[in-house]
Structure formats: structure tokens, C-alpha cells
């Protein structure tokens, strides 16, 4: 798999991280898991970076990796039996490949639980990430166009 070559903006998300970048914190989070979960989180991260080289990496909510572009795209959470990728606005995204398999009951989020030994449909995952970015960008554009001009 090709490694993303574009520079990614890194932002700090908490006062206690010192001089450690969010990307370094995500590296550390991945290295906490020397099994399939760390490998899966690393692979998901590479796919997100390939889908959107301008992605912003953050760490929020006690160490949860977050990927953003004009708003949150998705998060990467590690559990005992799954690595969960939660798309913040997943309910608004088309999922023709049927990747979403978790958090299906809500009106906003959707998630993908990856389990040990499962293959990731890379092209479908990349398409979801790109669709999430496009949705974030369209929401930002729509919000700007709805602002009323100031009267003079």
C-alpha cells in the first residue's frame, strides 16, 4: 500500500500533551496493541490518509484518534473484540457496499466494527471517507451561504 506523502496538519486537542503531536499520540495508541487490533487501527489510518491527504489528526476523549476535515470524519476506537470506526455523520452517507455494521439505530452516526481476521474492503472504505469529507465541506459551504448580509 502506498504511504500518503502530503503533509498533514496536526492540532493539539488537550493541555496535557505537551510537545507531542496528535500524530505521535496516535502512533503511541497503535503501539499499545501488539496484536491484530493495532494492525487494524494502523491500516484504517493509512486508508483515511490515502482517501484524504489533507486530513487533520486529533486525539480526543481520553485517547481516541479522530480524523477531521471541515468537521469530524470518523474516530477509531479499540475494544477487546473489535476496532470500531465511527463516522460522525454516517447516517447521511450512502453505503452501497454495506460496510456499516454497528450503531445503525441512530439518526446521525454509523460505525464499522472490524473483527480479527476480517478483510477491509479498501476501496469501499476510501469511498466512505471521501463521501464524509464531501458532506462536511457541503455543510460548511451551505452554512456560509445562509448567513444574512449585515445591513449598513
N, C-alpha and C. Protein backbone atom coordinates (compact mmCIF):
# COMPACT_ATOMS: atom_id res chain seq x y z
N UNK A 1 0.84 -1.17 0.00
CA UNK A 1 0.00 0.00 0.00
C UNK A 1 0.89 1.24 0.00
N UNK A 2 0.51 2.25 -0.80
CA UNK A 2 1.29 3.48 -0.84
C UNK A 2 1.06 4.28 0.42
N UNK A 3 2.10 4.90 0.89
CA UNK A 3 2.00 5.77 2.06
C UNK A 3 1.66 7.18 1.59
N UNK A 4 0.76 7.84 2.32
CA UNK A 4 0.40 9.21 1.97
C UNK A 4 1.63 10.09 2.07
N UNK A 5 1.83 10.92 1.05
CA UNK A 5 3.03 11.75 1.03
C UNK A 5 2.75 13.21 1.33
N UNK A 6 1.49 13.60 1.31
CA UNK A 6 1.18 15.01 1.58
C UNK A 6 1.35 15.31 3.06
N UNK A 7 1.72 16.54 3.33
CA UNK A 7 1.83 16.96 4.73
C UNK A 7 0.44 17.08 5.32
N UNK A 8 0.30 16.61 6.54
CA UNK A 8 -0.97 16.70 7.23
C UNK A 8 -0.83 17.67 8.38
N UNK A 9 -1.85 18.51 8.56
CA UNK A 9 -1.85 19.46 9.67
C UNK A 9 -2.13 18.69 10.95
N UNK A 10 -1.36 18.98 11.97
CA UNK A 10 -1.57 18.36 13.27
C UNK A 10 -2.02 19.42 14.26
N UNK A 11 -3.03 19.11 15.03
CA UNK A 11 -3.52 20.04 16.03
C UNK A 11 -3.50 19.38 17.38
N UNK A 12 -3.31 20.16 18.39
CA UNK A 12 -3.36 19.64 19.75
C UNK A 12 -4.80 19.71 20.22
N UNK A 13 -5.21 18.78 21.02
CA UNK A 13 -6.58 18.79 21.49
C UNK A 13 -6.69 18.79 23.00
N UNK A 14 -5.59 18.93 23.70
CA UNK A 14 -5.66 18.96 25.15
C UNK A 14 -4.42 19.60 25.72
N UNK A 15 -4.51 20.16 26.92
CA UNK A 15 -3.40 20.89 27.51
C UNK A 15 -2.30 19.98 28.05
N UNK A 16 -2.54 18.71 28.22
CA UNK A 16 -1.57 17.84 28.87
C UNK A 16 -0.65 17.10 27.91
N UNK A 17 -0.79 17.32 26.63
CA UNK A 17 0.02 16.59 25.68
C UNK A 17 1.42 17.18 25.49
N UNK A 18 1.66 18.39 26.01
CA UNK A 18 2.98 18.99 25.88
C UNK A 18 3.35 19.22 24.43
N UNK A 19 4.55 18.78 24.07
CA UNK A 19 5.03 18.98 22.71
C UNK A 19 4.79 17.77 21.81
N UNK A 20 3.98 16.85 22.24
CA UNK A 20 3.70 15.66 21.46
C UNK A 20 2.56 15.97 20.49
N UNK A 21 2.77 15.68 19.21
CA UNK A 21 1.73 15.95 18.22
C UNK A 21 0.64 14.88 18.30
N UNK A 22 -0.55 15.21 17.80
CA UNK A 22 -1.61 14.20 17.76
C UNK A 22 -1.19 12.96 16.96
N UNK A 23 -0.45 13.16 15.87
CA UNK A 23 0.01 12.00 15.09
C UNK A 23 0.89 11.09 15.93
N UNK A 24 1.74 11.69 16.76
CA UNK A 24 2.59 10.88 17.64
C UNK A 24 1.76 10.17 18.70
N UNK A 25 0.72 10.82 19.19
CA UNK A 25 -0.17 10.18 20.16
C UNK A 25 -0.92 9.01 19.53
N UNK A 26 -1.31 9.16 18.27
CA UNK A 26 -1.97 8.06 17.57
C UNK A 26 -0.98 6.92 17.34
N UNK A 27 0.26 7.27 16.97
CA UNK A 27 1.30 6.23 16.85
C UNK A 27 1.42 5.45 18.15
N UNK A 28 1.45 6.17 19.27
CA UNK A 28 1.57 5.52 20.58
C UNK A 28 0.36 4.66 20.88
N UNK A 29 -0.82 5.15 20.52
CA UNK A 29 -2.05 4.37 20.75
C UNK A 29 -2.00 3.07 19.96
N UNK A 30 -1.57 3.14 18.71
CA UNK A 30 -1.46 1.94 17.88
C UNK A 30 -0.48 0.96 18.50
N UNK A 31 0.65 1.47 18.99
CA UNK A 31 1.68 0.59 19.54
C UNK A 31 1.27 -0.05 20.87
N UNK A 32 0.22 0.48 21.51
CA UNK A 32 -0.30 -0.14 22.73
C UNK A 32 -0.86 -1.53 22.45
N UNK A 33 -1.22 -1.78 21.21
CA UNK A 33 -1.85 -3.04 20.83
C UNK A 33 -0.93 -3.77 19.86
N UNK A 34 -0.26 -4.79 20.35
CA UNK A 34 0.71 -5.52 19.53
C UNK A 34 0.05 -6.67 18.78
N UNK A 35 -1.26 -6.71 18.79
CA UNK A 35 -1.98 -7.79 18.11
C UNK A 35 -2.72 -7.25 16.89
N UNK A 36 -3.69 -7.97 16.44
CA UNK A 36 -4.46 -7.61 15.25
C UNK A 36 -5.14 -6.25 15.39
N UNK A 37 -5.45 -5.85 16.63
CA UNK A 37 -6.15 -4.56 16.82
C UNK A 37 -5.25 -3.39 16.45
N UNK A 38 -3.99 -3.43 16.85
CA UNK A 38 -3.06 -2.37 16.46
C UNK A 38 -2.84 -2.34 14.96
N UNK A 39 -2.71 -3.53 14.36
CA UNK A 39 -2.54 -3.62 12.91
C UNK A 39 -3.76 -3.06 12.18
N UNK A 40 -4.94 -3.37 12.70
CA UNK A 40 -6.17 -2.90 12.06
C UNK A 40 -6.31 -1.39 12.17
N UNK A 41 -6.03 -0.84 13.35
CA UNK A 41 -6.11 0.61 13.52
C UNK A 41 -5.09 1.31 12.62
N UNK A 42 -3.89 0.76 12.50
CA UNK A 42 -2.87 1.34 11.62
C UNK A 42 -3.32 1.29 10.16
N UNK A 43 -3.95 0.20 9.76
CA UNK A 43 -4.42 0.06 8.38
C UNK A 43 -5.54 1.06 8.09
N UNK A 44 -6.47 1.20 9.03
CA UNK A 44 -7.56 2.16 8.87
C UNK A 44 -6.99 3.57 8.72
N UNK A 45 -6.02 3.88 9.55
CA UNK A 45 -5.38 5.20 9.49
C UNK A 45 -4.76 5.44 8.12
N UNK A 46 -4.06 4.46 7.59
CA UNK A 46 -3.44 4.60 6.26
C UNK A 46 -4.49 4.82 5.18
N UNK A 47 -5.60 4.12 5.28
CA UNK A 47 -6.66 4.28 4.29
C UNK A 47 -7.29 5.67 4.38
N UNK A 48 -7.48 6.17 5.59
CA UNK A 48 -8.03 7.52 5.76
C UNK A 48 -7.07 8.54 5.15
N UNK A 49 -5.79 8.38 5.40
CA UNK A 49 -4.79 9.31 4.85
C UNK A 49 -4.74 9.22 3.32
N UNK A 50 -4.92 8.01 2.79
CA UNK A 50 -4.93 7.86 1.33
C UNK A 50 -6.18 8.51 0.74
N UNK A 51 -7.30 8.37 1.42
CA UNK A 51 -8.55 8.95 0.94
C UNK A 51 -8.52 10.47 0.98
N UNK A 52 -7.87 11.02 2.00
CA UNK A 52 -7.83 12.48 2.18
C UNK A 52 -6.47 12.90 2.72
N UNK A 53 -5.53 13.21 1.83
CA UNK A 53 -4.20 13.63 2.28
C UNK A 53 -4.20 14.89 3.13
N UNK A 54 -5.29 15.66 3.13
CA UNK A 54 -5.37 16.88 3.93
C UNK A 54 -6.03 16.64 5.28
N UNK A 55 -6.24 15.40 5.64
CA UNK A 55 -6.92 15.07 6.89
C UNK A 55 -6.15 15.63 8.09
N UNK A 56 -6.88 16.05 9.09
CA UNK A 56 -6.29 16.54 10.34
C UNK A 56 -6.46 15.45 11.38
N UNK A 57 -5.36 15.08 12.00
CA UNK A 57 -5.40 14.07 13.05
C UNK A 57 -5.47 14.76 14.41
N UNK A 58 -6.35 14.26 15.25
CA UNK A 58 -6.50 14.77 16.61
C UNK A 58 -6.65 13.59 17.55
N UNK A 59 -6.50 13.86 18.82
CA UNK A 59 -6.77 12.86 19.85
C UNK A 59 -7.72 13.51 20.85
N UNK A 60 -8.87 12.88 21.05
CA UNK A 60 -9.89 13.42 21.96
C UNK A 60 -10.39 12.30 22.85
N UNK A 61 -11.22 12.67 23.78
CA UNK A 61 -11.95 11.71 24.60
C UNK A 61 -11.05 10.60 25.16
N UNK A 62 -10.07 11.01 25.93
CA UNK A 62 -9.17 10.07 26.60
C UNK A 62 -8.43 9.14 25.64
N UNK A 63 -7.89 9.72 24.59
CA UNK A 63 -7.01 8.96 23.72
C UNK A 63 -7.62 8.41 22.45
N UNK A 64 -8.83 8.79 22.11
CA UNK A 64 -9.46 8.28 20.89
C UNK A 64 -8.93 9.05 19.68
N UNK A 65 -8.36 8.35 18.69
CA UNK A 65 -7.94 9.02 17.46
C UNK A 65 -9.17 9.56 16.71
N UNK A 66 -9.03 10.79 16.21
CA UNK A 66 -10.11 11.45 15.48
C UNK A 66 -9.51 12.01 14.20
N UNK A 67 -10.20 11.79 13.09
CA UNK A 67 -9.76 12.33 11.81
C UNK A 67 -10.81 13.33 11.34
N UNK A 68 -10.35 14.53 10.97
CA UNK A 68 -11.26 15.62 10.61
C UNK A 68 -10.85 16.30 9.32
N UNK A 69 -11.83 16.86 8.67
CA UNK A 69 -11.64 17.75 7.52
C UNK A 69 -12.96 18.52 7.40
N UNK A 70 -12.94 19.78 7.78
CA UNK A 70 -14.15 20.62 7.81
C UNK A 70 -15.19 20.03 8.77
N UNK A 71 -14.73 19.36 9.79
CA UNK A 71 -15.57 18.68 10.76
C UNK A 71 -15.07 17.25 10.94
N UNK A 72 -15.58 16.58 11.93
CA UNK A 72 -15.13 15.21 12.20
C UNK A 72 -15.58 14.28 11.08
N UNK A 73 -14.62 13.51 10.57
CA UNK A 73 -14.92 12.46 9.60
C UNK A 73 -15.28 11.20 10.38
N UNK A 74 -14.32 10.72 11.18
CA UNK A 74 -14.53 9.49 11.92
C UNK A 74 -13.56 9.38 13.09
N UNK A 75 -13.84 8.41 13.95
CA UNK A 75 -12.98 8.10 15.09
C UNK A 75 -12.54 6.65 14.99
N UNK A 76 -11.49 6.32 15.71
CA UNK A 76 -11.00 4.94 15.74
C UNK A 76 -10.89 4.46 17.18
N UNK A 77 -11.76 3.58 17.57
CA UNK A 77 -11.78 3.09 18.95
C UNK A 77 -11.40 1.62 18.98
N UNK A 78 -10.62 1.24 19.99
CA UNK A 78 -10.17 -0.14 20.11
C UNK A 78 -10.85 -0.79 21.30
N UNK A 79 -11.47 -1.92 21.05
CA UNK A 79 -12.13 -2.71 22.08
C UNK A 79 -11.53 -4.11 22.11
N UNK A 80 -11.96 -4.91 23.05
CA UNK A 80 -11.40 -6.26 23.21
C UNK A 80 -11.59 -7.10 21.95
N UNK A 81 -12.77 -7.04 21.35
CA UNK A 81 -13.08 -7.90 20.22
C UNK A 81 -13.30 -7.16 18.91
N UNK A 82 -13.05 -5.86 18.88
CA UNK A 82 -13.30 -5.10 17.66
C UNK A 82 -12.50 -3.80 17.65
N UNK A 83 -12.24 -3.33 16.45
CA UNK A 83 -11.76 -1.97 16.23
C UNK A 83 -12.92 -1.27 15.53
N UNK A 84 -13.44 -0.24 16.17
CA UNK A 84 -14.64 0.44 15.69
C UNK A 84 -14.24 1.76 15.05
N UNK A 85 -14.71 1.96 13.83
CA UNK A 85 -14.56 3.23 13.15
C UNK A 85 -15.94 3.86 13.07
N UNK A 86 -16.13 4.95 13.79
CA UNK A 86 -17.43 5.61 13.85
C UNK A 86 -17.40 6.87 12.99
N UNK A 87 -18.30 6.93 12.02
CA UNK A 87 -18.42 8.09 11.15
C UNK A 87 -19.44 9.04 11.77
N UNK A 88 -19.00 10.26 12.05
CA UNK A 88 -19.81 11.23 12.78
C UNK A 88 -21.16 11.50 12.12
N UNK A 89 -21.18 11.54 10.80
CA UNK A 89 -22.42 11.80 10.06
C UNK A 89 -22.76 10.62 9.16
N UNK A 90 -22.44 9.43 9.62
CA UNK A 90 -22.60 8.23 8.81
C UNK A 90 -24.01 7.96 8.33
N UNK A 91 -25.02 8.35 9.12
CA UNK A 91 -26.41 8.11 8.71
C UNK A 91 -26.77 8.89 7.45
N UNK A 92 -26.01 9.93 7.14
CA UNK A 92 -26.27 10.75 5.95
C UNK A 92 -25.45 10.30 4.75
N UNK A 93 -24.66 9.25 4.92
CA UNK A 93 -23.79 8.78 3.83
C UNK A 93 -24.40 7.56 3.15
N UNK A 94 -24.24 7.50 1.83
CA UNK A 94 -24.60 6.29 1.10
C UNK A 94 -23.55 5.23 1.40
N UNK A 95 -23.98 4.02 1.60
CA UNK A 95 -23.07 2.91 1.89
C UNK A 95 -23.44 1.73 0.99
N UNK A 96 -23.19 1.87 -0.32
CA UNK A 96 -23.62 0.82 -1.25
C UNK A 96 -22.94 -0.53 -1.01
N UNK A 97 -21.78 -0.54 -0.40
CA UNK A 97 -21.08 -1.80 -0.13
C UNK A 97 -21.50 -2.43 1.19
N UNK A 98 -22.31 -1.74 1.97
CA UNK A 98 -22.79 -2.28 3.23
C UNK A 98 -21.73 -2.43 4.30
N UNK A 99 -20.79 -1.49 4.35
CA UNK A 99 -19.74 -1.56 5.37
C UNK A 99 -20.26 -1.28 6.77
N UNK A 100 -21.21 -0.37 6.89
CA UNK A 100 -21.72 -0.03 8.22
C UNK A 100 -22.40 -1.26 8.83
N UNK A 101 -21.93 -1.66 10.00
CA UNK A 101 -22.48 -2.84 10.66
C UNK A 101 -22.72 -2.61 12.15
N UNK A 102 -22.62 -1.36 12.59
CA UNK A 102 -22.76 -1.05 14.01
C UNK A 102 -23.32 0.36 14.16
N UNK A 103 -23.94 0.62 15.29
CA UNK A 103 -24.56 1.93 15.57
C UNK A 103 -25.55 2.30 14.47
N UNK A 104 -26.35 1.34 14.07
CA UNK A 104 -27.28 1.54 12.96
C UNK A 104 -28.61 2.16 13.37
N UNK A 105 -28.86 2.24 14.68
CA UNK A 105 -30.17 2.67 15.15
C UNK A 105 -30.33 4.18 15.24
N UNK A 106 -29.26 4.93 15.28
CA UNK A 106 -29.35 6.38 15.45
C UNK A 106 -29.62 7.13 14.16
N UNK A 107 -29.82 8.43 14.31
CA UNK A 107 -30.10 9.28 13.16
C UNK A 107 -28.87 10.03 12.67
N UNK A 108 -27.74 9.86 13.34
CA UNK A 108 -26.56 10.64 12.98
C UNK A 108 -25.37 9.76 12.65
N UNK A 109 -24.89 9.00 13.62
CA UNK A 109 -23.66 8.22 13.44
C UNK A 109 -23.93 6.85 12.83
N UNK A 110 -22.87 6.30 12.24
CA UNK A 110 -22.83 4.91 11.80
C UNK A 110 -21.41 4.44 12.05
N UNK A 111 -21.26 3.15 12.28
CA UNK A 111 -19.93 2.63 12.59
C UNK A 111 -19.67 1.33 11.84
N UNK A 112 -18.39 1.02 11.76
CA UNK A 112 -17.93 -0.26 11.21
C UNK A 112 -17.12 -0.93 12.30
N UNK A 113 -17.54 -2.12 12.70
CA UNK A 113 -16.76 -2.92 13.64
C UNK A 113 -15.92 -3.89 12.83
N UNK A 114 -14.61 -3.77 12.99
CA UNK A 114 -13.68 -4.70 12.34
C UNK A 114 -13.26 -5.73 13.38
N UNK A 115 -13.36 -7.01 13.02
CA UNK A 115 -13.01 -8.09 13.93
C UNK A 115 -11.78 -8.83 13.42
N UNK A 116 -11.16 -9.57 14.31
CA UNK A 116 -9.94 -10.31 13.98
C UNK A 116 -10.16 -11.19 12.75
N UNK A 117 -9.23 -11.11 11.81
CA UNK A 117 -9.27 -11.95 10.63
C UNK A 117 -10.10 -11.41 9.48
N UNK A 118 -10.84 -10.33 9.70
CA UNK A 118 -11.67 -9.77 8.64
C UNK A 118 -10.83 -8.92 7.69
N UNK A 119 -11.17 -9.00 6.43
CA UNK A 119 -10.54 -8.16 5.41
C UNK A 119 -11.27 -6.82 5.37
N UNK A 120 -10.55 -5.78 5.06
CA UNK A 120 -11.15 -4.46 4.89
C UNK A 120 -11.34 -4.23 3.40
N UNK A 121 -12.56 -3.91 3.00
CA UNK A 121 -12.83 -3.53 1.61
C UNK A 121 -12.28 -2.12 1.44
N UNK A 122 -11.02 -2.05 1.00
CA UNK A 122 -10.31 -0.77 0.98
C UNK A 122 -10.99 0.27 0.11
N UNK A 123 -11.39 -0.12 -1.08
CA UNK A 123 -11.99 0.87 -1.99
C UNK A 123 -13.31 1.40 -1.44
N UNK A 124 -14.12 0.53 -0.86
CA UNK A 124 -15.39 0.97 -0.27
C UNK A 124 -15.15 1.87 0.94
N UNK A 125 -14.14 1.53 1.75
CA UNK A 125 -13.82 2.35 2.93
C UNK A 125 -13.34 3.73 2.49
N UNK A 126 -12.45 3.76 1.52
CA UNK A 126 -11.95 5.04 0.99
C UNK A 126 -13.11 5.88 0.44
N UNK A 127 -14.04 5.23 -0.25
CA UNK A 127 -15.20 5.95 -0.79
C UNK A 127 -16.04 6.55 0.34
N UNK A 128 -16.20 5.83 1.45
CA UNK A 128 -16.95 6.37 2.59
C UNK A 128 -16.24 7.58 3.19
N UNK A 129 -14.93 7.49 3.34
CA UNK A 129 -14.16 8.62 3.89
C UNK A 129 -14.31 9.83 2.98
N UNK A 130 -14.17 9.64 1.69
CA UNK A 130 -14.30 10.76 0.74
C UNK A 130 -15.71 11.34 0.76
N UNK A 131 -16.71 10.49 0.89
CA UNK A 131 -18.09 10.97 0.97
C UNK A 131 -18.30 11.78 2.25
N UNK A 132 -17.69 11.34 3.34
CA UNK A 132 -17.80 12.07 4.62
C UNK A 132 -17.15 13.45 4.51
N UNK A 133 -16.01 13.52 3.86
CA UNK A 133 -15.34 14.81 3.66
C UNK A 133 -16.22 15.72 2.80
N UNK A 134 -16.76 15.17 1.72
CA UNK A 134 -17.61 15.96 0.83
C UNK A 134 -18.84 16.48 1.58
N UNK A 135 -19.42 15.64 2.44
CA UNK A 135 -20.57 16.07 3.24
C UNK A 135 -20.18 17.20 4.19
N UNK A 136 -19.04 17.06 4.84
CA UNK A 136 -18.57 18.12 5.74
C UNK A 136 -18.35 19.42 4.97
N UNK A 137 -17.74 19.32 3.81
CA UNK A 137 -17.46 20.51 3.00
C UNK A 137 -18.77 21.16 2.53
N UNK A 138 -19.74 20.35 2.12
CA UNK A 138 -21.01 20.92 1.65
C UNK A 138 -21.77 21.57 2.79
N UNK A 139 -21.68 21.01 3.98
CA UNK A 139 -22.34 21.61 5.15
C UNK A 139 -21.71 22.95 5.48
N UNK A 140 -20.39 23.02 5.37
CA UNK A 140 -19.69 24.28 5.65
C UNK A 140 -20.08 25.33 4.61
N UNK A 141 -20.12 24.95 3.34
CA UNK A 141 -20.48 25.87 2.27
C UNK A 141 -21.93 26.34 2.44
N UNK A 142 -22.81 25.41 2.77
CA UNK A 142 -24.22 25.74 2.97
C UNK A 142 -24.40 26.71 4.13
N UNK A 143 -23.68 26.49 5.21
CA UNK A 143 -23.79 27.37 6.38
C UNK A 143 -23.32 28.78 6.04
N UNK A 144 -22.27 28.88 5.25
CA UNK A 144 -21.76 30.20 4.86
C UNK A 144 -22.75 30.92 3.96
N UNK A 145 -23.38 30.20 3.03
CA UNK A 145 -24.28 30.85 2.08
C UNK A 145 -25.59 31.27 2.75
N UNK A 146 -25.93 30.68 3.89
CA UNK A 146 -27.17 31.02 4.58
C UNK A 146 -27.02 32.22 5.51
N UNK A 147 -25.80 32.68 5.73
CA UNK A 147 -25.61 33.85 6.58
C UNK A 147 -26.20 35.07 5.89
N UNK A 148 -26.92 35.86 6.66
CA UNK A 148 -27.52 37.06 6.10
C UNK A 148 -26.47 38.16 6.04
N UNK A 149 -26.50 38.95 4.98
CA UNK A 149 -25.55 40.07 4.91
C UNK A 149 -25.90 41.11 5.97
N UNK A 150 -24.87 41.73 6.50
CA UNK A 150 -25.08 42.78 7.50
C UNK A 150 -25.65 44.01 6.83
N UNK A 151 -26.62 44.62 7.49
CA UNK A 151 -27.18 45.85 6.94
C UNK A 151 -26.30 47.02 7.35
N UNK A 152 -26.21 47.98 6.48
CA UNK A 152 -25.33 49.13 6.74
C UNK A 152 -26.07 50.35 7.17
